[in-house]
Amino acid sequence: MLNAVTPLTDHGYSSSKLRTPRDAEYDVFSRVTRMLRQAPRKADNPDTIQAVYKNNELWTLLGIDLADPGNALPDATKAGLISLAGFAIRHGQAVMAGTAATDPLIDINMTIMRGLRGDVGA
């Protein structure tokens, strides 16, 4: 039988550091942002379309979570993130329409990732 800590240590986590919801959110943003960064900046290819689709899906789910009455974030924080979600989704649609590039989406996601890591001043 596997030790309950084994999956965590196999992925670079020690038994003293358990994954938090913040870690999971960071990981999702990291994967989607990597897809955006590795794809061409314009949606004239399947890789960019898939990356933008995943980014829109991420921000849609985030917006749904933020709008849930049980979300414990302060109202001002929720409002700001919901507004950011709306922008990210609209910009993603513009990328897919061929009228914008993915750079702002990457910048937004990187900023969110820094916040999730506590690098607020960075």
PDB file of N, CA and C in Angstrom:
ATOM      1  N   MET A   1       0.842  -1.177   0.000  1.00  0.00           N
ATOM      2  CA  MET A   1       0.000   0.000   0.000  1.00  0.00           C
ATOM      3  C   MET A   1       0.888   1.243   0.000  1.00  0.00           C
ATOM      4  N   LEU A   2       0.468   2.275  -0.752  1.00  0.00           N
ATOM      5  CA  LEU A   2       1.244   3.503  -0.838  1.00  0.00           C
ATOM      6  C   LEU A   2       1.045   4.358   0.400  1.00  0.00           C
ATOM      7  N   ASN A   3       2.109   4.986   0.809  1.00  0.00           N
ATOM      8  CA  ASN A   3       2.036   5.964   1.882  1.00  0.00           C
ATOM      9  C   ASN A   3       1.260   7.173   1.362  1.00  0.00           C
ATOM     10  N   ALA A   4       0.417   7.763   2.183  1.00  0.00           N
ATOM     11  CA  ALA A   4      -0.403   8.895   1.749  1.00  0.00           C
ATOM     12  C   ALA A   4       0.443  10.087   1.327  1.00  0.00           C
ATOM     13  N   VAL A   5       1.673  10.167   1.798  1.00  0.00           N
ATOM     14  CA  VAL A   5       2.541  11.297   1.459  1.00  0.00           C
ATOM     15  C   VAL A   5       3.256  11.067   0.137  1.00  0.00           C
ATOM     16  N   THR A   6       3.346   9.833  -0.320  1.00  0.00           N
ATOM     17  CA  THR A   6       4.109   9.498  -1.517  1.00  0.00           C
ATOM     18  C   THR A   6       3.734  10.331  -2.734  1.00  0.00           C
ATOM     19  N   PRO A   7       2.430  10.499  -3.070  1.00  0.00           N
ATOM     20  CA  PRO A   7       2.127  11.302  -4.246  1.00  0.00           C
ATOM     21  C   PRO A   7       2.623  12.739  -4.133  1.00  0.00           C
ATOM     22  N   LEU A   8       2.608  13.286  -2.920  1.00  0.00           N
ATOM     23  CA  LEU A   8       3.088  14.652  -2.748  1.00  0.00           C
ATOM     24  C   LEU A   8       4.597  14.729  -2.928  1.00  0.00           C
ATOM     25  N   THR A   9       5.325  13.782  -2.373  1.00  0.00           N
ATOM     26  CA  THR A   9       6.776  13.833  -2.501  1.00  0.00           C
ATOM     27  C   THR A   9       7.213  13.510  -3.927  1.00  0.00           C
ATOM     28  N   ASP A  10       6.431  12.703  -4.641  1.00  0.00           N
ATOM     29  CA  ASP A  10       6.767  12.389  -6.022  1.00  0.00           C
ATOM     30  C   ASP A  10       6.685  13.622  -6.912  1.00  0.00           C
ATOM     31  N   HIS A  11       5.916  14.607  -6.521  1.00  0.00           N
ATOM     32  CA  HIS A  11       5.742  15.810  -7.332  1.00  0.00           C
ATOM     33  C   HIS A  11       6.543  16.987  -6.788  1.00  0.00           C
ATOM     34  N   GLY A  12       7.499  16.692  -5.925  1.00  0.00           N
ATOM     35  CA  GLY A  12       8.358  17.759  -5.433  1.00  0.00           C
ATOM     36  C   GLY A  12       7.856  18.407  -4.159  1.00  0.00           C
ATOM     37  N   TYR A  13       6.823  17.875  -3.536  1.00  0.00           N
ATOM     38  CA  TYR A  13       6.313  18.434  -2.296  1.00  0.00           C
ATOM     39  C   TYR A  13       6.794  17.567  -1.151  1.00  0.00           C
ATOM     40  N   SER A  14       7.231  18.180  -0.098  1.00  0.00           N
ATOM     41  CA  SER A  14       7.647  17.406   1.066  1.00  0.00           C
ATOM     42  C   SER A  14       6.444  17.177   1.961  1.00  0.00           C
ATOM     43  N   SER A  15       6.580  16.267   2.901  1.00  0.00           N
ATOM     44  CA  SER A  15       5.475  15.977   3.805  1.00  0.00           C
ATOM     45  C   SER A  15       5.143  17.175   4.678  1.00  0.00           C
ATOM     46  N   SER A  16       6.071  18.121   4.832  1.00  0.00           N
ATOM     47  CA  SER A  16       5.801  19.290   5.652  1.00  0.00           C
ATOM     48  C   SER A  16       5.017  20.366   4.886  1.00  0.00           C
ATOM     49  N   LYS A  17       4.897  20.208   3.597  1.00  0.00           N
ATOM     50  CA  LYS A  17       4.146  21.198   2.813  1.00  0.00           C
ATOM     51  C   LYS A  17       3.013  20.490   2.089  1.00  0.00           C
ATOM     52  N   LEU A  18       1.824  20.699   2.575  1.00  0.00           N
ATOM     53  CA  LEU A  18       0.656  20.146   1.922  1.00  0.00           C
ATOM     54  C   LEU A  18       0.118  21.154   0.924  1.00  0.00           C
ATOM     55  N   ARG A  19      -0.494  20.638  -0.112  1.00  0.00           N
ATOM     56  CA  ARG A  19      -1.060  21.518  -1.136  1.00  0.00           C
ATOM     57  C   ARG A  19      -2.284  22.231  -0.578  1.00  0.00           C
ATOM     58  N   THR A  20      -2.368  23.496  -0.872  1.00  0.00           N
ATOM     59  CA  THR A  20      -3.507  24.302  -0.450  1.00  0.00           C
ATOM     60  C   THR A  20      -4.371  24.602  -1.674  1.00  0.00           C
ATOM     61  N   PRO A  21      -5.584  25.084  -1.471  1.00  0.00           N
ATOM     62  CA  PRO A  21      -6.386  25.509  -2.625  1.00  0.00           C
ATOM     63  C   PRO A  21      -5.665  26.562  -3.472  1.00  0.00           C
ATOM     64  N   ARG A  22      -4.902  27.414  -2.818  1.00  0.00           N
ATOM     65  CA  ARG A  22      -4.123  28.427  -3.534  1.00  0.00           C
ATOM     66  C   ARG A  22      -3.094  27.784  -4.454  1.00  0.00           C
ATOM     67  N   ASP A  23      -2.458  26.701  -3.970  1.00  0.00           N
ATOM     68  CA  ASP A  23      -1.497  25.958  -4.801  1.00  0.00           C
ATOM     69  C   ASP A  23      -2.190  25.384  -6.040  1.00  0.00           C
ATOM     70  N   ALA A  24      -3.374  24.833  -5.841  1.00  0.00           N
ATOM     71  CA  ALA A  24      -4.127  24.256  -6.967  1.00  0.00           C
ATOM     72  C   ALA A  24      -4.494  25.340  -7.976  1.00  0.00           C
ATOM     73  N   GLU A  25      -4.936  26.506  -7.486  1.00  0.00           N
ATOM     74  CA  GLU A  25      -5.270  27.610  -8.389  1.00  0.00           C
ATOM     75  C   GLU A  25      -4.036  28.055  -9.162  1.00  0.00           C
ATOM     76  N   TYR A  26      -2.919  28.169  -8.463  1.00  0.00           N
ATOM     77  CA  TYR A  26      -1.667  28.549  -9.122  1.00  0.00           C
ATOM     78  C   TYR A  26      -1.324  27.561 -10.228  1.00  0.00           C
ATOM     79  N   ASP A  27      -1.441  26.271  -9.927  1.00  0.00           N
ATOM     80  CA  ASP A  27      -1.111  25.243 -10.918  1.00  0.00           C
ATOM     81  C   ASP A  27      -1.968  25.360 -12.169  1.00  0.00           C
ATOM     82  N   VAL A  28      -3.262  25.611 -12.003  1.00  0.00           N
ATOM     83  CA  VAL A  28      -4.149  25.752 -13.164  1.00  0.00           C
ATOM     84  C   VAL A  28      -3.757  26.975 -13.973  1.00  0.00           C
ATOM     85  N   PHE A  29      -3.549  28.100 -13.302  1.00  0.00           N
ATOM     86  CA  PHE A  29      -3.122  29.311 -14.021  1.00  0.00           C
ATOM     87  C   PHE A  29      -1.781  29.075 -14.715  1.00  0.00           C
ATOM     88  N   SER A  30      -0.883  28.370 -14.061  1.00  0.00           N
ATOM     89  CA  SER A  30       0.425  28.092 -14.649  1.00  0.00           C
ATOM     90  C   SER A  30       0.298  27.272 -15.928  1.00  0.00           C
ATOM     91  N   ARG A  31      -0.510  26.223 -15.892  1.00  0.00           N
ATOM     92  CA  ARG A  31      -0.679  25.375 -17.085  1.00  0.00           C
ATOM     93  C   ARG A  31      -1.290  26.156 -18.245  1.00  0.00           C
ATOM     94  N   VAL A  32      -2.349  26.916 -17.963  1.00  0.00           N
ATOM     95  CA  VAL A  32      -3.014  27.670 -19.036  1.00  0.00           C
ATOM     96  C   VAL A  32      -2.081  28.753 -19.570  1.00  0.00           C
ATOM     97  N   THR A  33      -1.376  29.429 -18.683  1.00  0.00           N
ATOM     98  CA  THR A  33      -0.463  30.489 -19.112  1.00  0.00           C
ATOM     99  C   THR A  33       0.677  29.915 -19.942  1.00  0.00           C
ATOM    100  N   ARG A  34       1.166  28.748 -19.565  1.00  0.00           N
ATOM    101  CA  ARG A  34       2.214  28.092 -20.364  1.00  0.00           C
ATOM    102  C   ARG A  34       1.701  27.807 -21.773  1.00  0.00           C
ATOM    103  N   MET A  35       0.464  27.340 -21.869  1.00  0.00           N
ATOM    104  CA  MET A  35      -0.124  27.095 -23.196  1.00  0.00           C
ATOM    105  C   MET A  35      -0.161  28.386 -24.012  1.00  0.00           C
ATOM    106  N   LEU A  36      -0.577  29.481 -23.375  1.00  0.00           N
ATOM    107  CA  LEU A  36      -0.645  30.770 -24.076  1.00  0.00           C
ATOM    108  C   LEU A  36       0.744  31.229 -24.512  1.00  0.00           C
ATOM    109  N   ARG A  37       1.728  31.067 -23.648  1.00  0.00           N
ATOM    110  CA  ARG A  37       3.079  31.529 -23.958  1.00  0.00           C
ATOM    111  C   ARG A  37       3.735  30.706 -25.056  1.00  0.00           C
ATOM    112  N   GLN A  38       3.412  29.416 -25.119  1.00  0.00           N
ATOM    113  CA  GLN A  38       4.042  28.549 -26.110  1.00  0.00           C
ATOM    114  C   GLN A  38       3.378  28.637 -27.477  1.00  0.00           C
ATOM    115  N   ALA A  39       2.172  29.158 -27.534  1.00  0.00           N
ATOM    116  CA  ALA A  39       1.449  29.264 -28.801  1.00  0.00           C
ATOM    117  C   ALA A  39       1.754  30.616 -29.462  1.00  0.00           C
ATOM    118  N   PRO A  40       1.605  30.683 -30.782  1.00  0.00           N
ATOM    119  CA  PRO A  40       1.731  31.987 -31.441  1.00  0.00           C
ATOM    120  C   PRO A  40       0.723  32.979 -30.850  1.00  0.00           C
ATOM    121  N   ARG A  41       1.041  34.244 -30.903  1.00  0.00           N
ATOM    122  CA  ARG A  41       0.231  35.270 -30.242  1.00  0.00           C
ATOM    123  C   ARG A  41      -1.116  35.532 -30.933  1.00  0.00           C
ATOM    124  N   LYS A  42      -1.244  35.157 -32.174  1.00  0.00           N
ATOM    125  CA  LYS A  42      -2.500  35.344 -32.925  1.00  0.00           C
ATOM    126  C   LYS A  42      -3.189  34.011 -33.118  1.00  0.00           C
ATOM    127  N   ALA A  43      -4.512  34.021 -33.187  1.00  0.00           N
ATOM    128  CA  ALA A  43      -5.299  32.780 -33.270  1.00  0.00           C
ATOM    129  C   ALA A  43      -5.484  32.312 -34.702  1.00  0.00           C
ATOM    130  N   ASP A  44      -4.386  32.165 -35.415  1.00  0.00           N
ATOM    131  CA  ASP A  44      -4.473  31.643 -36.781  1.00  0.00           C
ATOM    132  C   ASP A  44      -3.970  30.203 -36.833  1.00  0.00           C
ATOM    133  N   ASN A  45      -4.035  29.526 -35.677  1.00  0.00           N
ATOM    134  CA  ASN A  45      -3.548  28.150 -35.583  1.00  0.00           C
ATOM    135  C   ASN A  45      -4.270  27.443 -34.436  1.00  0.00           C
ATOM    136  N   PRO A  46      -4.291  26.122 -34.467  1.00  0.00           N
ATOM    137  CA  PRO A  46      -5.019  25.365 -33.435  1.00  0.00           C
ATOM    138  C   PRO A  46      -4.453  25.521 -32.020  1.00  0.00           C
ATOM    139  N   ASP A  47      -3.135  25.680 -31.873  1.00  0.00           N
ATOM    140  CA  ASP A  47      -2.543  25.794 -30.539  1.00  0.00           C
ATOM    141  C   ASP A  47      -3.014  27.051 -29.818  1.00  0.00           C
ATOM    142  N   THR A  48      -3.051  28.163 -30.529  1.00  0.00           N
ATOM    143  CA  THR A  48      -3.503  29.407 -29.905  1.00  0.00           C
ATOM    144  C   THR A  48      -4.995  29.340 -29.595  1.00  0.00           C
ATOM    145  N   ILE A  49      -5.765  28.793 -30.507  1.00  0.00           N
ATOM    146  CA  ILE A  49      -7.210  28.674 -30.272  1.00  0.00           C
ATOM    147  C   ILE A  49      -7.465  27.808 -29.041  1.00  0.00           C
ATOM    148  N   GLN A  50      -6.772  26.699 -28.913  1.00  0.00           N
ATOM    149  CA  GLN A  50      -6.961  25.834 -27.753  1.00  0.00           C
ATOM    150  C   GLN A  50      -6.540  26.545 -26.461  1.00  0.00           C
ATOM    151  N   ALA A  51      -5.423  27.253 -26.495  1.00  0.00           N
ATOM    152  CA  ALA A  51      -4.936  27.957 -25.304  1.00  0.00           C
ATOM    153  C   ALA A  51      -5.927  29.045 -24.877  1.00  0.00           C
ATOM    154  N   VAL A  52      -6.428  29.800 -25.834  1.00  0.00           N
ATOM    155  CA  VAL A  52      -7.391  30.862 -25.511  1.00  0.00           C
ATOM    156  C   VAL A  52      -8.696  30.256 -25.008  1.00  0.00           C
ATOM    157  N   TYR A  53      -9.128  29.170 -25.617  1.00  0.00           N
ATOM    158  CA  TYR A  53     -10.335  28.486 -25.155  1.00  0.00           C
ATOM    159  C   TYR A  53     -10.170  28.049 -23.697  1.00  0.00           C
ATOM    160  N   LYS A  54      -9.036  27.440 -23.361  1.00  0.00           N
ATOM    161  CA  LYS A  54      -8.776  27.006 -21.980  1.00  0.00           C
ATOM    162  C   LYS A  54      -8.720  28.199 -21.032  1.00  0.00           C
ATOM    163  N   ASN A  55      -8.125  29.306 -21.483  1.00  0.00           N
ATOM    164  CA  ASN A  55      -8.058  30.495 -20.654  1.00  0.00           C
ATOM    165  C   ASN A  55      -9.462  31.041 -20.391  1.00  0.00           C
ATOM    166  N   ASN A  56     -10.291  31.092 -21.440  1.00  0.00           N
ATOM    167  CA  ASN A  56     -11.670  31.562 -21.253  1.00  0.00           C
ATOM    168  C   ASN A  56     -12.437  30.641 -20.316  1.00  0.00           C
ATOM    169  N   GLU A  57     -12.195  29.344 -20.441  1.00  0.00           N
ATOM    170  CA  GLU A  57     -12.853  28.375 -19.561  1.00  0.00           C
ATOM    171  C   GLU A  57     -12.425  28.606 -18.108  1.00  0.00           C
ATOM    172  N   LEU A  58     -11.137  28.830 -17.882  1.00  0.00           N
ATOM    173  CA  LEU A  58     -10.625  29.097 -16.544  1.00  0.00           C
ATOM    174  C   LEU A  58     -11.275  30.336 -15.946  1.00  0.00           C
ATOM    175  N   TRP A  59     -11.301  31.422 -16.722  1.00  0.00           N
ATOM    176  CA  TRP A  59     -11.867  32.667 -16.207  1.00  0.00           C
ATOM    177  C   TRP A  59     -13.377  32.568 -16.023  1.00  0.00           C
ATOM    178  N   THR A  60     -14.063  31.791 -16.834  1.00  0.00           N
ATOM    179  CA  THR A  60     -15.497  31.584 -16.652  1.00  0.00           C
ATOM    180  C   THR A  60     -15.754  30.852 -15.335  1.00  0.00           C
ATOM    181  N   LEU A  61     -15.003  29.784 -15.088  1.00  0.00           N
ATOM    182  CA  LEU A  61     -15.159  29.042 -13.834  1.00  0.00           C
ATOM    183  C   LEU A  61     -14.804  29.905 -12.627  1.00  0.00           C
ATOM    184  N   LEU A  62     -13.770  30.711 -12.764  1.00  0.00           N
ATOM    185  CA  LEU A  62     -13.388  31.606 -11.686  1.00  0.00           C
ATOM    186  C   LEU A  62     -14.507  32.610 -11.406  1.00  0.00           C
ATOM    187  N   GLY A  63     -15.090  33.162 -12.466  1.00  0.00           N
ATOM    188  CA  GLY A  63     -16.192  34.110 -12.306  1.00  0.00           C
ATOM    189  C   GLY A  63     -17.394  33.482 -11.619  1.00  0.00           C
ATOM    190  N   ILE A  64     -17.699  32.248 -11.977  1.00  0.00           N
ATOM    191  CA  ILE A  64     -18.813  31.537 -11.335  1.00  0.00           C
ATOM    192  C   ILE A  64     -18.523  31.350  -9.852  1.00  0.00           C
ATOM    193  N   ASP A  65     -17.291  30.948  -9.528  1.00  0.00           N
ATOM    194  CA  ASP A  65     -16.918  30.764  -8.131  1.00  0.00           C
ATOM    195  C   ASP A  65     -16.987  32.083  -7.357  1.00  0.00           C
ATOM    196  N   LEU A  66     -16.534  33.144  -7.970  1.00  0.00           N
ATOM    197  CA  LEU A  66     -16.552  34.446  -7.306  1.00  0.00           C
ATOM    198  C   LEU A  66     -17.975  34.939  -7.060  1.00  0.00           C
ATOM    199  N   ALA A  67     -18.892  34.616  -7.949  1.00  0.00           N
ATOM    200  CA  ALA A  67     -20.277  35.068  -7.807  1.00  0.00           C
ATOM    201  C   ALA A  67     -21.068  34.228  -6.807  1.00  0.00           C
ATOM    202  N   ASP A  68     -20.526  33.108  -6.388  1.00  0.00           N
ATOM    203  CA  ASP A  68     -21.210  32.238  -5.425  1.00  0.00           C
ATOM    204  C   ASP A  68     -21.328  32.957  -4.081  1.00  0.00           C
ATOM    205  N   PRO A  69     -22.525  32.964  -3.492  1.00  0.00           N
ATOM    206  CA  PRO A  69     -22.699  33.637  -2.201  1.00  0.00           C
ATOM    207  C   PRO A  69     -21.788  33.085  -1.094  1.00  0.00           C
ATOM    208  N   GLY A  70     -21.350  31.856  -1.210  1.00  0.00           N
ATOM    209  CA  GLY A  70     -20.471  31.264  -0.208  1.00  0.00           C
ATOM    210  C   GLY A  70     -19.013  31.658  -0.349  1.00  0.00           C
ATOM    211  N   ASN A  71     -18.655  32.390  -1.410  1.00  0.00           N
ATOM    212  CA  ASN A  71     -17.263  32.808  -1.590  1.00  0.00           C
ATOM    213  C   ASN A  71     -16.916  33.821  -0.500  1.00  0.00           C
ATOM    214  N   ALA A  72     -15.858  33.523   0.253  1.00  0.00           N
ATOM    215  CA  ALA A  72     -15.512  34.322   1.429  1.00  0.00           C
ATOM    216  C   ALA A  72     -14.583  35.504   1.150  1.00  0.00           C
ATOM    217  N   LEU A  73     -14.194  35.716  -0.087  1.00  0.00           N
ATOM    218  CA  LEU A  73     -13.340  36.876  -0.377  1.00  0.00           C
ATOM    219  C   LEU A  73     -14.094  38.170  -0.075  1.00  0.00           C
ATOM    220  N   PRO A  74     -13.375  39.227   0.269  1.00  0.00           N
ATOM    221  CA  PRO A  74     -14.032  40.520   0.468  1.00  0.00           C
ATOM    222  C   PRO A  74     -14.753  40.959  -0.816  1.00  0.00           C
ATOM    223  N   ASP A  75     -15.869  41.650  -0.643  1.00  0.00           N
ATOM    224  CA  ASP A  75     -16.683  42.058  -1.790  1.00  0.00           C
ATOM    225  C   ASP A  75     -15.899  42.870  -2.814  1.00  0.00           C
ATOM    226  N   ALA A  76     -15.032  43.768  -2.361  1.00  0.00           N
ATOM    227  CA  ALA A  76     -14.253  44.586  -3.297  1.00  0.00           C
ATOM    228  C   ALA A  76     -13.299  43.717  -4.121  1.00  0.00           C
ATOM    229  N   THR A  77     -12.708  42.724  -3.486  1.00  0.00           N
ATOM    230  CA  THR A  77     -11.802  41.812  -4.198  1.00  0.00           C
ATOM    231  C   THR A  77     -12.577  41.003  -5.223  1.00  0.00           C
ATOM    232  N   LYS A  78     -13.735  40.472  -4.802  1.00  0.00           N
ATOM    233  CA  LYS A  78     -14.562  39.702  -5.732  1.00  0.00           C
ATOM    234  C   LYS A  78     -14.975  40.557  -6.918  1.00  0.00           C
ATOM    235  N   ALA A  79     -15.402  41.788  -6.659  1.00  0.00           N
ATOM    236  CA  ALA A  79     -15.843  42.667  -7.748  1.00  0.00           C
ATOM    237  C   ALA A  79     -14.706  42.933  -8.730  1.00  0.00           C
ATOM    238  N   GLY A  80     -13.515  43.182  -8.211  1.00  0.00           N
ATOM    239  CA  GLY A  80     -12.373  43.439  -9.081  1.00  0.00           C
ATOM    240  C   GLY A  80     -12.013  42.223  -9.924  1.00  0.00           C
ATOM    241  N   LEU A  81     -12.040  41.049  -9.305  1.00  0.00           N
ATOM    242  CA  LEU A  81     -11.708  39.831 -10.045  1.00  0.00           C
ATOM    243  C   LEU A  81     -12.791  39.468 -11.056  1.00  0.00           C
ATOM    244  N   ILE A  82     -14.063  39.708 -10.727  1.00  0.00           N
ATOM    245  CA  ILE A  82     -15.141  39.464 -11.692  1.00  0.00           C
ATOM    246  C   ILE A  82     -14.991  40.396 -12.890  1.00  0.00           C
ATOM    247  N   SER A  83     -14.639  41.641 -12.634  1.00  0.00           N
ATOM    248  CA  SER A  83     -14.399  42.588 -13.728  1.00  0.00           C
ATOM    249  C   SER A  83     -13.227  42.125 -14.594  1.00  0.00           C
ATOM    250  N   LEU A  84     -12.176  41.658 -13.948  1.00  0.00           N
ATOM    251  CA  LEU A  84     -11.006  41.149 -14.669  1.00  0.00           C
ATOM    252  C   LEU A  84     -11.374  39.910 -15.485  1.00  0.00           C
ATOM    253  N   ALA A  85     -12.217  39.048 -14.917  1.00  0.00           N
ATOM    254  CA  ALA A  85     -12.677  37.861 -15.644  1.00  0.00           C
ATOM    255  C   ALA A  85     -13.428  38.276 -16.905  1.00  0.00           C
ATOM    256  N   GLY A  86     -14.294  39.267 -16.771  1.00  0.00           N
ATOM    257  CA  GLY A  86     -15.035  39.752 -17.938  1.00  0.00           C
ATOM    258  C   GLY A  86     -14.097  40.266 -19.018  1.00  0.00           C
ATOM    259  N   PHE A  87     -13.092  41.045 -18.615  1.00  0.00           N
ATOM    260  CA  PHE A  87     -12.128  41.552 -19.587  1.00  0.00           C
ATOM    261  C   PHE A  87     -11.375  40.405 -20.258  1.00  0.00           C
ATOM    262  N   ALA A  88     -10.889  39.448 -19.441  1.00  0.00           N
ATOM    263  CA  ALA A  88     -10.107  38.337 -19.992  1.00  0.00           C
ATOM    264  C   ALA A  88     -10.922  37.536 -21.000  1.00  0.00           C
ATOM    265  N   ILE A  89     -12.176  37.291 -20.680  1.00  0.00           N
ATOM    266  CA  ILE A  89     -13.039  36.528 -21.596  1.00  0.00           C
ATOM    267  C   ILE A  89     -13.304  37.319 -22.881  1.00  0.00           C
ATOM    268  N   ARG A  90     -13.629  38.611 -22.746  1.00  0.00           N
ATOM    269  CA  ARG A  90     -13.862  39.439 -23.944  1.00  0.00           C
ATOM    270  C   ARG A  90     -12.603  39.531 -24.802  1.00  0.00           C
ATOM    271  N   HIS A  91     -11.448  39.697 -24.149  1.00  0.00           N
ATOM    272  CA  HIS A  91     -10.207  39.792 -24.912  1.00  0.00           C
ATOM    273  C   HIS A  91      -9.903  38.457 -25.600  1.00  0.00           C
ATOM    274  N   GLY A  92     -10.171  37.366 -24.905  1.00  0.00           N
ATOM    275  CA  GLY A  92      -9.992  36.047 -25.519  1.00  0.00           C
ATOM    276  C   GLY A  92     -10.853  35.890 -26.761  1.00  0.00           C
ATOM    277  N   GLN A  93     -12.082  36.395 -26.706  1.00  0.00           N
ATOM    278  CA  GLN A  93     -12.964  36.347 -27.875  1.00  0.00           C
ATOM    279  C   GLN A  93     -12.394  37.198 -29.005  1.00  0.00           C
ATOM    280  N   ALA A  94     -11.803  38.336 -28.664  1.00  0.00           N
ATOM    281  CA  ALA A  94     -11.184  39.191 -29.690  1.00  0.00           C
ATOM    282  C   ALA A  94      -9.983  38.484 -30.321  1.00  0.00           C
ATOM    283  N   VAL A  95      -9.222  37.761 -29.510  1.00  0.00           N
ATOM    284  CA  VAL A  95      -8.085  36.998 -30.055  1.00  0.00           C
ATOM    285  C   VAL A  95      -8.607  35.970 -31.044  1.00  0.00           C
ATOM    286  N   MET A  96      -9.648  35.251 -30.666  1.00  0.00           N
ATOM    287  CA  MET A  96     -10.200  34.226 -31.562  1.00  0.00           C
ATOM    288  C   MET A  96     -10.797  34.830 -32.824  1.00  0.00           C
ATOM    289  N   ALA A  97     -11.270  36.073 -32.717  1.00  0.00           N
ATOM    290  CA  ALA A  97     -11.812  36.748 -33.893  1.00  0.00           C
ATOM    291  C   ALA A  97     -10.704  37.309 -34.778  1.00  0.00           C
ATOM    292  N   GLY A  98      -9.466  37.241 -34.308  1.00  0.00           N
ATOM    293  CA  GLY A  98      -8.343  37.712 -35.108  1.00  0.00           C
ATOM    294  C   GLY A  98      -8.061  39.197 -34.970  1.00  0.00           C
ATOM    295  N   THR A  99      -8.657  39.852 -33.963  1.00  0.00           N
ATOM    296  CA  THR A  99      -8.466  41.296 -33.817  1.00  0.00           C
ATOM    297  C   THR A  99      -7.577  41.675 -32.637  1.00  0.00           C
ATOM    298  N   ALA A 100      -7.010  40.686 -31.951  1.00  0.00           N
ATOM    299  CA  ALA A 100      -6.155  40.968 -30.795  1.00  0.00           C
ATOM    300  C   ALA A 100      -5.128  39.852 -30.642  1.00  0.00           C
ATOM    301  N   ALA A 101      -4.137  40.116 -29.810  1.00  0.00           N
ATOM    302  CA  ALA A 101      -3.091  39.130 -29.509  1.00  0.00           C
ATOM    303  C   ALA A 101      -3.241  38.653 -28.065  1.00  0.00           C
ATOM    304  N   THR A 102      -2.553  37.597 -27.729  1.00  0.00           N
ATOM    305  CA  THR A 102      -2.687  36.981 -26.411  1.00  0.00           C
ATOM    306  C   THR A 102      -1.866  37.657 -25.311  1.00  0.00           C
ATOM    307  N   ASP A 103      -1.010  38.607 -25.653  1.00  0.00           N
ATOM    308  CA  ASP A 103      -0.112  39.207 -24.662  1.00  0.00           C
ATOM    309  C   ASP A 103      -0.825  39.720 -23.403  1.00  0.00           C
ATOM    310  N   PRO A 104      -1.942  40.469 -23.525  1.00  0.00           N
ATOM    311  CA  PRO A 104      -2.618  40.920 -22.297  1.00  0.00           C
ATOM    312  C   PRO A 104      -3.129  39.761 -21.437  1.00  0.00           C
ATOM    313  N   LEU A 105      -3.547  38.674 -22.049  1.00  0.00           N
ATOM    314  CA  LEU A 105      -4.016  37.514 -21.287  1.00  0.00           C
ATOM    315  C   LEU A 105      -2.871  36.910 -20.486  1.00  0.00           C
ATOM    316  N   ILE A 106      -1.715  36.832 -21.109  1.00  0.00           N
ATOM    317  CA  ILE A 106      -0.532  36.308 -20.422  1.00  0.00           C
ATOM    318  C   ILE A 106      -0.168  37.217 -19.259  1.00  0.00           C
ATOM    319  N   ASP A 107      -0.182  38.534 -19.495  1.00  0.00           N
ATOM    320  CA  ASP A 107       0.162  39.493 -18.438  1.00  0.00           C
ATOM    321  C   ASP A 107      -0.800  39.388 -17.251  1.00  0.00           C
ATOM    322  N   ILE A 108      -2.088  39.292 -17.530  1.00  0.00           N
ATOM    323  CA  ILE A 108      -3.092  39.171 -16.460  1.00  0.00           C
ATOM    324  C   ILE A 108      -2.848  37.897 -15.658  1.00  0.00           C
ATOM    325  N   ASN A 109      -2.679  36.790 -16.351  1.00  0.00           N
ATOM    326  CA  ASN A 109      -2.479  35.519 -15.659  1.00  0.00           C
ATOM    327  C   ASN A 109      -1.211  35.534 -14.816  1.00  0.00           C
ATOM    328  N   MET A 110      -0.149  36.129 -15.337  1.00  0.00           N
ATOM    329  CA  MET A 110       1.107  36.202 -14.580  1.00  0.00           C
ATOM    330  C   MET A 110       0.914  37.049 -13.317  1.00  0.00           C
ATOM    331  N   THR A 111       0.152  38.118 -13.417  1.00  0.00           N
ATOM    332  CA  THR A 111      -0.126  38.956 -12.249  1.00  0.00           C
ATOM    333  C   THR A 111      -0.918  38.173 -11.204  1.00  0.00           C
ATOM    334  N   ILE A 112      -1.919  37.422 -11.647  1.00  0.00           N
ATOM    335  CA  ILE A 112      -2.704  36.595 -10.730  1.00  0.00           C
ATOM    336  C   ILE A 112      -1.797  35.552 -10.066  1.00  0.00           C
ATOM    337  N   MET A 113      -0.919  34.946 -10.843  1.00  0.00           N
ATOM    338  CA  MET A 113      -0.003  33.939 -10.293  1.00  0.00           C
ATOM    339  C   MET A 113       0.914  34.554  -9.231  1.00  0.00           C
ATOM    340  N   ARG A 114       1.410  35.766  -9.489  1.00  0.00           N
ATOM    341  CA  ARG A 114       2.246  36.436  -8.485  1.00  0.00           C
ATOM    342  C   ARG A 114       1.439  36.685  -7.210  1.00  0.00           C
ATOM    343  N   GLY A 115       0.186  37.083  -7.359  1.00  0.00           N
ATOM    344  CA  GLY A 115      -0.666  37.294  -6.191  1.00  0.00           C
ATOM    345  C   GLY A 115      -0.928  36.012  -5.425  1.00  0.00           C
ATOM    346  N   LEU A 116      -1.131  34.926  -6.132  1.00  0.00           N
ATOM    347  CA  LEU A 116      -1.355  33.641  -5.473  1.00  0.00           C
ATOM    348  C   LEU A 116      -0.113  33.182  -4.708  1.00  0.00           C
ATOM    349  N   ARG A 117       1.047  33.595  -5.184  1.00  0.00           N
ATOM    350  CA  ARG A 117       2.293  33.244  -4.503  1.00  0.00           C
ATOM    351  C   ARG A 117       2.665  34.248  -3.416  1.00  0.00           C
ATOM    352  N   GLY A 118       1.897  35.323  -3.304  1.00  0.00           N
ATOM    353  CA  GLY A 118       2.189  36.328  -2.284  1.00  0.00           C
ATOM    354  C   GLY A 118       3.202  37.361  -2.718  1.00  0.00           C
ATOM    355  N   ASP A 119       3.531  37.398  -4.000  1.00  0.00           N
ATOM    356  CA  ASP A 119       4.478  38.366  -4.536  1.00  0.00           C
ATOM    357  C   ASP A 119       3.743  39.627  -4.969  1.00  0.00           C
ATOM    358  N   VAL A 120       3.065  40.259  -4.049  1.00  0.00           N
ATOM    359  CA  VAL A 120       2.200  41.404  -4.375  1.00  0.00           C
ATOM    360  C   VAL A 120       3.007  42.578  -4.905  1.00  0.00           C
ATOM    361  N   GLY A 121       4.179  42.826  -4.364  1.00  0.00           N
ATOM    362  CA  GLY A 121       4.986  43.962  -4.797  1.00  0.00           C
ATOM    363  C   GLY A 121       5.748  43.724  -6.076  1.00  0.00           C
ATOM    364  N   ALA A 122       5.736  42.504  -6.593  1.00  0.00           N
ATOM    365  CA  ALA A 122       6.534  42.162  -7.789  1.00  0.00           C
ATOM    366  C   ALA A 122       5.852  42.615  -9.046  1.00  0.00           C
TER     367      ALA A 122
END
